[in-house]
């Protein structure tokens, strides 16, 4: 599978903005580094079952980047990034998302 397109859902875009704003308070460069890593992660997908199914939201696959789960689904040659969730949150909170 060669990914031709990566689509970011609105929820994932909002999470990116929130994460950037959070880290920017400490360091602009640090914020940029975290966002760069999150944006690059879906580009590493080479085949559809490369990453695990998420244990809390099994309809998604996940990539762990720093302290975040990048949740996505794969459709044909398209990756749809659905959400970015902190791994520091309680599993009960994550089940509700």
PDB file of N, CA and C in Angstrom:
ATOM      1  N   UNK A   1       0.852  -1.179   0.000  1.00  0.00           N
ATOM      2  CA  UNK A   1       0.000   0.000   0.000  1.00  0.00           C
ATOM      3  C   UNK A   1       0.892   1.234   0.000  1.00  0.00           C
ATOM      4  N   UNK A   2       0.725   2.054  -0.976  1.00  0.00           N
ATOM      5  CA  UNK A   2       1.399   3.337  -0.983  1.00  0.00           C
ATOM      6  C   UNK A   2       0.334   4.390  -0.732  1.00  0.00           C
ATOM      7  N   UNK A   3       0.486   5.099   0.343  1.00  0.00           N
ATOM      8  CA  UNK A   3      -0.500   6.115   0.695  1.00  0.00           C
ATOM      9  C   UNK A   3      -0.384   7.277  -0.277  1.00  0.00           C
ATOM     10  N   UNK A   4      -1.481   7.607  -0.903  1.00  0.00           N
ATOM     11  CA  UNK A   4      -1.476   8.731  -1.823  1.00  0.00           C
ATOM     12  C   UNK A   4      -1.948  10.010  -1.150  1.00  0.00           C
ATOM     13  N   UNK A   5      -2.757   9.849  -0.119  1.00  0.00           N
ATOM     14  CA  UNK A   5      -3.349  11.031   0.487  1.00  0.00           C
ATOM     15  C   UNK A   5      -3.591  10.807   1.977  1.00  0.00           C
ATOM     16  N   UNK A   6      -3.336  11.844   2.754  1.00  0.00           N
ATOM     17  CA  UNK A   6      -3.632  11.816   4.188  1.00  0.00           C
ATOM     18  C   UNK A   6      -4.642  12.922   4.447  1.00  0.00           C
ATOM     19  N   UNK A   7      -5.756  12.557   5.033  1.00  0.00           N
ATOM     20  CA  UNK A   7      -6.825  13.505   5.327  1.00  0.00           C
ATOM     21  C   UNK A   7      -6.942  13.630   6.838  1.00  0.00           C
ATOM     22  N   UNK A   8      -6.974  14.860   7.318  1.00  0.00           N
ATOM     23  CA  UNK A   8      -7.088  15.133   8.751  1.00  0.00           C
ATOM     24  C   UNK A   8      -8.520  15.551   9.070  1.00  0.00           C
ATOM     25  N   UNK A   9      -9.187  14.785   9.931  1.00  0.00           N
ATOM     26  CA  UNK A   9     -10.540  15.122  10.378  1.00  0.00           C
ATOM     27  C   UNK A   9     -10.487  16.393  11.224  1.00  0.00           C
ATOM     28  N   UNK A  10     -11.612  17.072  11.320  1.00  0.00           N
ATOM     29  CA  UNK A  10     -11.679  18.312  12.094  1.00  0.00           C
ATOM     30  C   UNK A  10     -11.240  18.114  13.539  1.00  0.00           C
ATOM     31  N   UNK A  11     -11.630  17.006  14.146  1.00  0.00           N
ATOM     32  CA  UNK A  11     -11.243  16.737  15.539  1.00  0.00           C
ATOM     33  C   UNK A  11      -9.719  16.651  15.664  1.00  0.00           C
ATOM     34  N   UNK A  12      -9.072  16.014  14.693  1.00  0.00           N
ATOM     35  CA  UNK A  12      -7.612  15.892  14.722  1.00  0.00           C
ATOM     36  C   UNK A  12      -6.946  17.256  14.523  1.00  0.00           C
ATOM     37  N   UNK A  13      -7.504  18.072  13.646  1.00  0.00           N
ATOM     38  CA  UNK A  13      -6.964  19.425  13.427  1.00  0.00           C
ATOM     39  C   UNK A  13      -7.084  20.273  14.698  1.00  0.00           C
ATOM     40  N   UNK A  14      -8.210  20.155  15.369  1.00  0.00           N
ATOM     41  CA  UNK A  14      -8.399  20.895  16.623  1.00  0.00           C
ATOM     42  C   UNK A  14      -7.386  20.436  17.672  1.00  0.00           C
ATOM     43  N   UNK A  15      -7.147  19.141  17.727  1.00  0.00           N
ATOM     44  CA  UNK A  15      -6.173  18.604  18.684  1.00  0.00           C
ATOM     45  C   UNK A  15      -4.783  19.141  18.389  1.00  0.00           C
ATOM     46  N   UNK A  16      -4.411  19.224  17.107  1.00  0.00           N
ATOM     47  CA  UNK A  16      -3.104  19.771  16.742  1.00  0.00           C
ATOM     48  C   UNK A  16      -2.959  21.212  17.220  1.00  0.00           C
ATOM     49  N   UNK A  17      -4.001  22.005  17.027  1.00  0.00           N
ATOM     50  CA  UNK A  17      -3.966  23.411  17.463  1.00  0.00           C
ATOM     51  C   UNK A  17      -3.835  23.503  18.986  1.00  0.00           C
ATOM     52  N   UNK A  18      -4.587  22.675  19.692  1.00  0.00           N
ATOM     53  CA  UNK A  18      -4.542  22.679  21.157  1.00  0.00           C
ATOM     54  C   UNK A  18      -3.156  22.267  21.647  1.00  0.00           C
ATOM     55  N   UNK A  19      -2.612  21.215  21.072  1.00  0.00           N
ATOM     56  CA  UNK A  19      -1.287  20.727  21.469  1.00  0.00           C
ATOM     57  C   UNK A  19      -0.230  21.786  21.204  1.00  0.00           C
ATOM     58  N   UNK A  20      -0.307  22.410  20.044  1.00  0.00           N
ATOM     59  CA  UNK A  20       0.677  23.459  19.715  1.00  0.00           C
ATOM     60  C   UNK A  20       0.580  24.612  20.716  1.00  0.00           C
ATOM     61  N   UNK A  21      -0.630  25.055  21.018  1.00  0.00           N
ATOM     62  CA  UNK A  21      -0.812  26.157  21.970  1.00  0.00           C
ATOM     63  C   UNK A  21      -0.273  25.780  23.354  1.00  0.00           C
ATOM     64  N   UNK A  22      -0.494  24.542  23.758  1.00  0.00           N
ATOM     65  CA  UNK A  22      -0.025  24.080  25.070  1.00  0.00           C
ATOM     66  C   UNK A  22       1.501  24.140  25.152  1.00  0.00           C
ATOM     67  N   UNK A  23       2.174  23.575  24.176  1.00  0.00           N
ATOM     68  CA  UNK A  23       3.642  23.540  24.201  1.00  0.00           C
ATOM     69  C   UNK A  23       4.262  24.902  23.911  1.00  0.00           C
ATOM     70  N   UNK A  24       3.558  25.729  23.171  1.00  0.00           N
ATOM     71  CA  UNK A  24       4.077  27.055  22.817  1.00  0.00           C
ATOM     72  C   UNK A  24       4.302  27.916  24.058  1.00  0.00           C
ATOM     73  N   UNK A  25       3.501  27.687  25.104  1.00  0.00           N
ATOM     74  CA  UNK A  25       3.673  28.429  26.360  1.00  0.00           C
ATOM     75  C   UNK A  25       5.056  28.185  26.964  1.00  0.00           C
ATOM     76  N   UNK A  26       5.596  27.005  26.700  1.00  0.00           N
ATOM     77  CA  UNK A  26       6.906  26.644  27.236  1.00  0.00           C
ATOM     78  C   UNK A  26       8.023  26.958  26.243  1.00  0.00           C
ATOM     79  N   UNK A  27       7.777  26.621  24.967  1.00  0.00           N
ATOM     80  CA  UNK A  27       8.808  26.798  23.949  1.00  0.00           C
ATOM     81  C   UNK A  27       8.188  26.727  22.556  1.00  0.00           C
ATOM     82  N   UNK A  28       8.397  27.763  21.768  1.00  0.00           N
ATOM     83  CA  UNK A  28       7.870  27.766  20.396  1.00  0.00           C
ATOM     84  C   UNK A  28       8.531  26.646  19.596  1.00  0.00           C
ATOM     85  N   UNK A  29       9.837  26.504  19.737  1.00  0.00           N
ATOM     86  CA  UNK A  29      10.537  25.448  19.006  1.00  0.00           C
ATOM     87  C   UNK A  29      10.059  24.069  19.438  1.00  0.00           C
ATOM     88  N   UNK A  30       9.849  23.891  20.733  1.00  0.00           N
ATOM     89  CA  UNK A  30       9.334  22.622  21.233  1.00  0.00           C
ATOM     90  C   UNK A  30       7.956  22.315  20.664  1.00  0.00           C
ATOM     91  N   UNK A  31       7.097  23.325  20.622  1.00  0.00           N
ATOM     92  CA  UNK A  31       5.754  23.163  20.056  1.00  0.00           C
ATOM     93  C   UNK A  31       5.842  22.755  18.592  1.00  0.00           C
ATOM     94  N   UNK A  32       6.713  23.427  17.851  1.00  0.00           N
ATOM     95  CA  UNK A  32       6.880  23.104  16.432  1.00  0.00           C
ATOM     96  C   UNK A  32       7.403  21.683  16.240  1.00  0.00           C
ATOM     97  N   UNK A  33       8.308  21.252  17.116  1.00  0.00           N
ATOM     98  CA  UNK A  33       8.857  19.894  17.020  1.00  0.00           C
ATOM     99  C   UNK A  33       7.784  18.832  17.263  1.00  0.00           C
ATOM    100  N   UNK A  34       6.949  19.043  18.271  1.00  0.00           N
ATOM    101  CA  UNK A  34       5.880  18.080  18.577  1.00  0.00           C
ATOM    102  C   UNK A  34       4.914  17.990  17.402  1.00  0.00           C
ATOM    103  N   UNK A  35       4.494  19.125  16.884  1.00  0.00           N
ATOM    104  CA  UNK A  35       3.548  19.142  15.768  1.00  0.00           C
ATOM    105  C   UNK A  35       4.166  18.490  14.538  1.00  0.00           C
ATOM    106  N   UNK A  36       5.421  18.778  14.266  1.00  0.00           N
ATOM    107  CA  UNK A  36       6.098  18.159  13.118  1.00  0.00           C
ATOM    108  C   UNK A  36       6.070  16.636  13.249  1.00  0.00           C
ATOM    109  N   UNK A  37       6.385  16.134  14.431  1.00  0.00           N
ATOM    110  CA  UNK A  37       6.385  14.685  14.645  1.00  0.00           C
ATOM    111  C   UNK A  37       4.988  14.085  14.438  1.00  0.00           C
ATOM    112  N   UNK A  38       3.967  14.773  14.933  1.00  0.00           N
ATOM    113  CA  UNK A  38       2.596  14.281  14.774  1.00  0.00           C
ATOM    114  C   UNK A  38       2.167  14.292  13.309  1.00  0.00           C
ATOM    115  N   UNK A  39       2.544  15.331  12.580  1.00  0.00           N
ATOM    116  CA  UNK A  39       2.179  15.430  11.162  1.00  0.00           C
ATOM    117  C   UNK A  39       2.919  14.403  10.306  1.00  0.00           C
ATOM    118  N   UNK A  40       4.131  14.078  10.690  1.00  0.00           N
ATOM    119  CA  UNK A  40       4.941  13.131   9.915  1.00  0.00           C
ATOM    120  C   UNK A  40       4.539  11.675  10.156  1.00  0.00           C
ATOM    121  N   UNK A  41       3.995  11.365  11.320  1.00  0.00           N
ATOM    122  CA  UNK A  41       3.705   9.974  11.682  1.00  0.00           C
ATOM    123  C   UNK A  41       2.852   9.230  10.651  1.00  0.00           C
ATOM    124  N   UNK A  42       1.741   9.787  10.169  1.00  0.00           N
ATOM    125  CA  UNK A  42       0.945   9.032   9.185  1.00  0.00           C
ATOM    126  C   UNK A  42       1.688   8.768   7.873  1.00  0.00           C
ATOM    127  N   UNK A  43       2.681   9.557   7.573  1.00  0.00           N
ATOM    128  CA  UNK A  43       3.451   9.361   6.336  1.00  0.00           C
ATOM    129  C   UNK A  43       4.335   8.121   6.401  1.00  0.00           C
ATOM    130  N   UNK A  44       4.502   7.567   7.614  1.00  0.00           N
ATOM    131  CA  UNK A  44       5.345   6.376   7.782  1.00  0.00           C
ATOM    132  C   UNK A  44       4.603   5.078   7.474  1.00  0.00           C
ATOM    133  N   UNK A  45       3.310   5.148   7.254  1.00  0.00           N
ATOM    134  CA  UNK A  45       2.502   3.951   7.016  1.00  0.00           C
ATOM    135  C   UNK A  45       2.835   3.397   5.629  1.00  0.00           C
ATOM    136  N   UNK A  46       3.252   2.138   5.604  1.00  0.00           N
ATOM    137  CA  UNK A  46       3.622   1.490   4.344  1.00  0.00           C
ATOM    138  C   UNK A  46       2.634   0.399   3.937  1.00  0.00           C
ATOM    139  N   UNK A  47       1.959  -0.192   4.909  1.00  0.00           N
ATOM    140  CA  UNK A  47       0.942  -1.196   4.601  1.00  0.00           C
ATOM    141  C   UNK A  47      -0.157  -1.088   5.642  1.00  0.00           C
ATOM    142  N   UNK A  48      -1.353  -1.486   5.262  1.00  0.00           N
ATOM    143  CA  UNK A  48      -2.548  -1.185   6.050  1.00  0.00           C
ATOM    144  C   UNK A  48      -2.545  -1.733   7.470  1.00  0.00           C
ATOM    145  N   UNK A  49      -1.933  -2.862   7.721  1.00  0.00           N
ATOM    146  CA  UNK A  49      -1.961  -3.455   9.060  1.00  0.00           C
ATOM    147  C   UNK A  49      -0.647  -3.248   9.806  1.00  0.00           C
ATOM    148  N   UNK A  50       0.109  -2.234   9.405  1.00  0.00           N
ATOM    149  CA  UNK A  50       1.418  -1.969   9.999  1.00  0.00           C
ATOM    150  C   UNK A  50       1.313  -1.626  11.483  1.00  0.00           C
ATOM    151  N   UNK A  51       0.326  -0.846  11.848  1.00  0.00           N
ATOM    152  CA  UNK A  51       0.185  -0.424  13.237  1.00  0.00           C
ATOM    153  C   UNK A  51      -0.982  -1.148  13.892  1.00  0.00           C
ATOM    154  N   UNK A  52      -0.936  -1.240  15.232  1.00  0.00           N
ATOM    155  CA  UNK A  52      -1.929  -1.984  15.995  1.00  0.00           C
ATOM    156  C   UNK A  52      -3.306  -1.343  15.961  1.00  0.00           C
ATOM    157  N   UNK A  53      -4.302  -2.205  16.178  1.00  0.00           N
ATOM    158  CA  UNK A  53      -5.632  -1.685  16.465  1.00  0.00           C
ATOM    159  C   UNK A  53      -5.561  -1.040  17.837  1.00  0.00           C
ATOM    160  N   UNK A  54      -6.269   0.046  18.008  1.00  0.00           N
ATOM    161  CA  UNK A  54      -6.276   0.704  19.308  1.00  0.00           C
ATOM    162  C   UNK A  54      -7.021  -0.178  20.304  1.00  0.00           C
ATOM    163  N   UNK A  55      -6.506  -0.284  21.517  1.00  0.00           N
ATOM    164  CA  UNK A  55      -7.131  -1.149  22.518  1.00  0.00           C
ATOM    165  C   UNK A  55      -8.409  -0.552  23.093  1.00  0.00           C
ATOM    166  N   UNK A  56      -8.586   0.739  23.033  1.00  0.00           N
ATOM    167  CA  UNK A  56      -9.784   1.376  23.587  1.00  0.00           C
ATOM    168  C   UNK A  56     -10.824   1.652  22.498  1.00  0.00           C
ATOM    169  N   UNK A  57     -10.357   2.075  21.329  1.00  0.00           N
ATOM    170  CA  UNK A  57     -11.245   2.349  20.192  1.00  0.00           C
ATOM    171  C   UNK A  57     -10.837   1.432  19.036  1.00  0.00           C
ATOM    172  N   UNK A  58     -11.247   0.154  19.052  1.00  0.00           N
ATOM    173  CA  UNK A  58     -10.726  -0.823  18.092  1.00  0.00           C
ATOM    174  C   UNK A  58     -11.130  -0.601  16.635  1.00  0.00           C
ATOM    175  N   UNK A  59     -11.987   0.362  16.356  1.00  0.00           N
ATOM    176  CA  UNK A  59     -12.292   0.647  14.956  1.00  0.00           C
ATOM    177  C   UNK A  59     -11.162   1.440  14.299  1.00  0.00           C
ATOM    178  N   UNK A  60     -10.207   1.916  15.116  1.00  0.00           N
ATOM    179  CA  UNK A  60      -9.077   2.695  14.627  1.00  0.00           C
ATOM    180  C   UNK A  60      -7.768   1.928  14.807  1.00  0.00           C
ATOM    181  N   UNK A  61      -6.817   2.278  13.992  1.00  0.00           N
ATOM    182  CA  UNK A  61      -5.434   1.859  14.214  1.00  0.00           C
ATOM    183  C   UNK A  61      -4.737   3.023  14.891  1.00  0.00           C
ATOM    184  N   UNK A  62      -3.590   2.755  15.511  1.00  0.00           N
ATOM    185  CA  UNK A  62      -2.931   3.819  16.246  1.00  0.00           C
ATOM    186  C   UNK A  62      -1.437   3.854  15.970  1.00  0.00           C
ATOM    187  N   UNK A  63      -0.917   5.058  16.024  1.00  0.00           N
ATOM    188  CA  UNK A  63       0.521   5.285  15.988  1.00  0.00           C
ATOM    189  C   UNK A  63       0.827   6.061  17.267  1.00  0.00           C
ATOM    190  N   UNK A  64       1.790   5.616  18.027  1.00  0.00           N
ATOM    191  CA  UNK A  64       2.181   6.330  19.235  1.00  0.00           C
ATOM    192  C   UNK A  64       3.308   7.295  18.872  1.00  0.00           C
ATOM    193  N   UNK A  65       3.090   8.566  19.161  1.00  0.00           N
ATOM    194  CA  UNK A  65       4.078   9.618  18.896  1.00  0.00           C
ATOM    195  C   UNK A  65       4.225  10.428  20.182  1.00  0.00           C
ATOM    196  N   UNK A  66       5.398  10.364  20.754  1.00  0.00           N
ATOM    197  CA  UNK A  66       5.661  11.037  22.025  1.00  0.00           C
ATOM    198  C   UNK A  66       4.621  10.575  23.050  1.00  0.00           C
ATOM    199  N   UNK A  67       3.813  11.493  23.576  1.00  0.00           N
ATOM    200  CA  UNK A  67       2.776  11.130  24.550  1.00  0.00           C
ATOM    201  C   UNK A  67       1.381  11.136  23.937  1.00  0.00           C
ATOM    202  N   UNK A  68       1.289  10.849  22.640  1.00  0.00           N
ATOM    203  CA  UNK A  68       0.011  10.933  21.937  1.00  0.00           C
ATOM    204  C   UNK A  68      -0.244   9.703  21.091  1.00  0.00           C
ATOM    205  N   UNK A  69      -1.547   9.382  20.970  1.00  0.00           N
ATOM    206  CA  UNK A  69      -1.979   8.356  20.034  1.00  0.00           C
ATOM    207  C   UNK A  69      -2.568   9.079  18.834  1.00  0.00           C
ATOM    208  N   UNK A  70      -2.083   8.753  17.656  1.00  0.00           N
ATOM    209  CA  UNK A  70      -2.665   9.255  16.417  1.00  0.00           C
ATOM    210  C   UNK A  70      -3.573   8.133  15.930  1.00  0.00           C
ATOM    211  N   UNK A  71      -4.885   8.370  15.985  1.00  0.00           N
ATOM    212  CA  UNK A  71      -5.864   7.350  15.592  1.00  0.00           C
ATOM    213  C   UNK A  71      -6.278   7.583  14.147  1.00  0.00           C
ATOM    214  N   UNK A  72      -6.259   6.505  13.365  1.00  0.00           N
ATOM    215  CA  UNK A  72      -6.577   6.657  11.946  1.00  0.00           C
ATOM    216  C   UNK A  72      -7.309   5.432  11.419  1.00  0.00           C
ATOM    217  N   UNK A  73      -7.926   5.616  10.267  1.00  0.00           N
ATOM    218  CA  UNK A  73      -8.494   4.510   9.514  1.00  0.00           C
ATOM    219  C   UNK A  73      -7.901   4.568   8.116  1.00  0.00           C
ATOM    220  N   UNK A  74      -7.818   3.423   7.486  1.00  0.00           N
ATOM    221  CA  UNK A  74      -7.267   3.338   6.140  1.00  0.00           C
ATOM    222  C   UNK A  74      -8.374   2.930   5.185  1.00  0.00           C
ATOM    223  N   UNK A  75      -8.524   3.679   4.116  1.00  0.00           N
ATOM    224  CA  UNK A  75      -9.510   3.361   3.089  1.00  0.00           C
ATOM    225  C   UNK A  75      -8.822   3.454   1.739  1.00  0.00           C
ATOM    226  N   UNK A  76      -8.735   2.325   1.071  1.00  0.00           N
ATOM    227  CA  UNK A  76      -8.047   2.240  -0.216  1.00  0.00           C
ATOM    228  C   UNK A  76      -6.655   2.825  -0.078  1.00  0.00           C
ATOM    229  N   UNK A  77      -6.336   3.867  -0.782  1.00  0.00           N
ATOM    230  CA  UNK A  77      -4.997   4.463  -0.698  1.00  0.00           C
ATOM    231  C   UNK A  77      -5.038   5.789   0.045  1.00  0.00           C
ATOM    232  N   UNK A  78      -5.899   5.832   1.053  1.00  0.00           N
ATOM    233  CA  UNK A  78      -6.102   7.070   1.790  1.00  0.00           C
ATOM    234  C   UNK A  78      -6.048   6.773   3.284  1.00  0.00           C
ATOM    235  N   UNK A  79      -5.351   7.609   4.015  1.00  0.00           N
ATOM    236  CA  UNK A  79      -5.313   7.527   5.473  1.00  0.00           C
ATOM    237  C   UNK A  79      -6.157   8.678   6.002  1.00  0.00           C
ATOM    238  N   UNK A  80      -7.097   8.368   6.857  1.00  0.00           N
ATOM    239  CA  UNK A  80      -7.916   9.399   7.486  1.00  0.00           C
ATOM    240  C   UNK A  80      -7.547   9.454   8.963  1.00  0.00           C
ATOM    241  N   UNK A  81      -6.881  10.532   9.353  1.00  0.00           N
ATOM    242  CA  UNK A  81      -6.502  10.723  10.750  1.00  0.00           C
ATOM    243  C   UNK A  81      -7.738  11.272  11.461  1.00  0.00           C
ATOM    244  N   UNK A  82      -8.245  10.506  12.406  1.00  0.00           N
ATOM    245  CA  UNK A  82      -9.506  10.848  13.045  1.00  0.00           C
ATOM    246  C   UNK A  82      -9.334  11.632  14.338  1.00  0.00           C
ATOM    247  N   UNK A  83      -8.274  11.353  15.083  1.00  0.00           N
ATOM    248  CA  UNK A  83      -8.099  12.023  16.377  1.00  0.00           C
ATOM    249  C   UNK A  83      -6.653  11.892  16.840  1.00  0.00           C
ATOM    250  N   UNK A  84      -6.276  12.808  17.705  1.00  0.00           N
ATOM    251  CA  UNK A  84      -4.998  12.730  18.408  1.00  0.00           C
ATOM    252  C   UNK A  84      -5.329  12.854  19.879  1.00  0.00           C
ATOM    253  N   UNK A  85      -4.917  11.858  20.649  1.00  0.00           N
ATOM    254  CA  UNK A  85      -5.323  11.785  22.050  1.00  0.00           C
ATOM    255  C   UNK A  85      -4.091  11.583  22.930  1.00  0.00           C
ATOM    256  N   UNK A  86      -4.033  12.304  24.009  1.00  0.00           N
ATOM    257  CA  UNK A  86      -2.936  12.149  24.959  1.00  0.00           C
ATOM    258  C   UNK A  86      -3.001  10.774  25.617  1.00  0.00           C
ATOM    259  N   UNK A  87      -1.871  10.122  25.710  1.00  0.00           N
ATOM    260  CA  UNK A  87      -1.829   8.818  26.376  1.00  0.00           C
ATOM    261  C   UNK A  87      -1.849   8.968  27.888  1.00  0.00           C
ATOM    262  N   UNK A  88      -1.770  10.197  28.371  1.00  0.00           N
ATOM    263  CA  UNK A  88      -1.786  10.447  29.814  1.00  0.00           C
ATOM    264  C   UNK A  88      -3.198  10.529  30.375  1.00  0.00           C
ATOM    265  N   UNK A  89      -4.201  10.527  29.497  1.00  0.00           N
ATOM    266  CA  UNK A  89      -5.587  10.601  29.955  1.00  0.00           C
ATOM    267  C   UNK A  89      -6.036   9.254  30.506  1.00  0.00           C
ATOM    268  N   UNK A  90      -7.016   9.318  31.358  1.00  0.00           N
ATOM    269  CA  UNK A  90      -7.611   8.110  31.923  1.00  0.00           C
ATOM    270  C   UNK A  90      -8.287   7.286  30.816  1.00  0.00           C
ATOM    271  N   UNK A  91      -8.172   5.966  30.867  1.00  0.00           N
ATOM    272  CA  UNK A  91      -8.859   5.135  29.878  1.00  0.00           C
ATOM    273  C   UNK A  91     -10.370   5.365  29.842  1.00  0.00           C
ATOM    274  N   UNK A  92     -10.958   5.714  30.974  1.00  0.00           N
ATOM    275  CA  UNK A  92     -12.400   5.980  31.005  1.00  0.00           C
ATOM    276  C   UNK A  92     -12.744   7.196  30.144  1.00  0.00           C
ATOM    277  N   UNK A  93     -11.920   8.220  30.171  1.00  0.00           N
ATOM    278  CA  UNK A  93     -12.137   9.411  29.346  1.00  0.00           C
ATOM    279  C   UNK A  93     -11.977   9.029  27.872  1.00  0.00           C
ATOM    280  N   UNK A  94     -10.994   8.203  27.575  1.00  0.00           N
ATOM    281  CA  UNK A  94     -10.717   7.832  26.202  1.00  0.00           C
ATOM    282  C   UNK A  94     -11.835   7.003  25.592  1.00  0.00           C
ATOM    283  N   UNK A  95     -12.515   6.180  26.400  1.00  0.00           N
ATOM    284  CA  UNK A  95     -13.616   5.364  25.897  1.00  0.00           C
ATOM    285  C   UNK A  95     -14.771   6.232  25.405  1.00  0.00           C
ATOM    286  N   UNK A  96     -14.930   7.401  25.969  1.00  0.00           N
ATOM    287  CA  UNK A  96     -16.039   8.284  25.615  1.00  0.00           C
ATOM    288  C   UNK A  96     -15.791   9.035  24.298  1.00  0.00           C
ATOM    289  N   UNK A  97     -14.572   8.990  23.792  1.00  0.00           N
ATOM    290  CA  UNK A  97     -14.245   9.737  22.575  1.00  0.00           C
ATOM    291  C   UNK A  97     -14.556   8.941  21.336  1.00  0.00           C
TER     292      UNK A  97
END
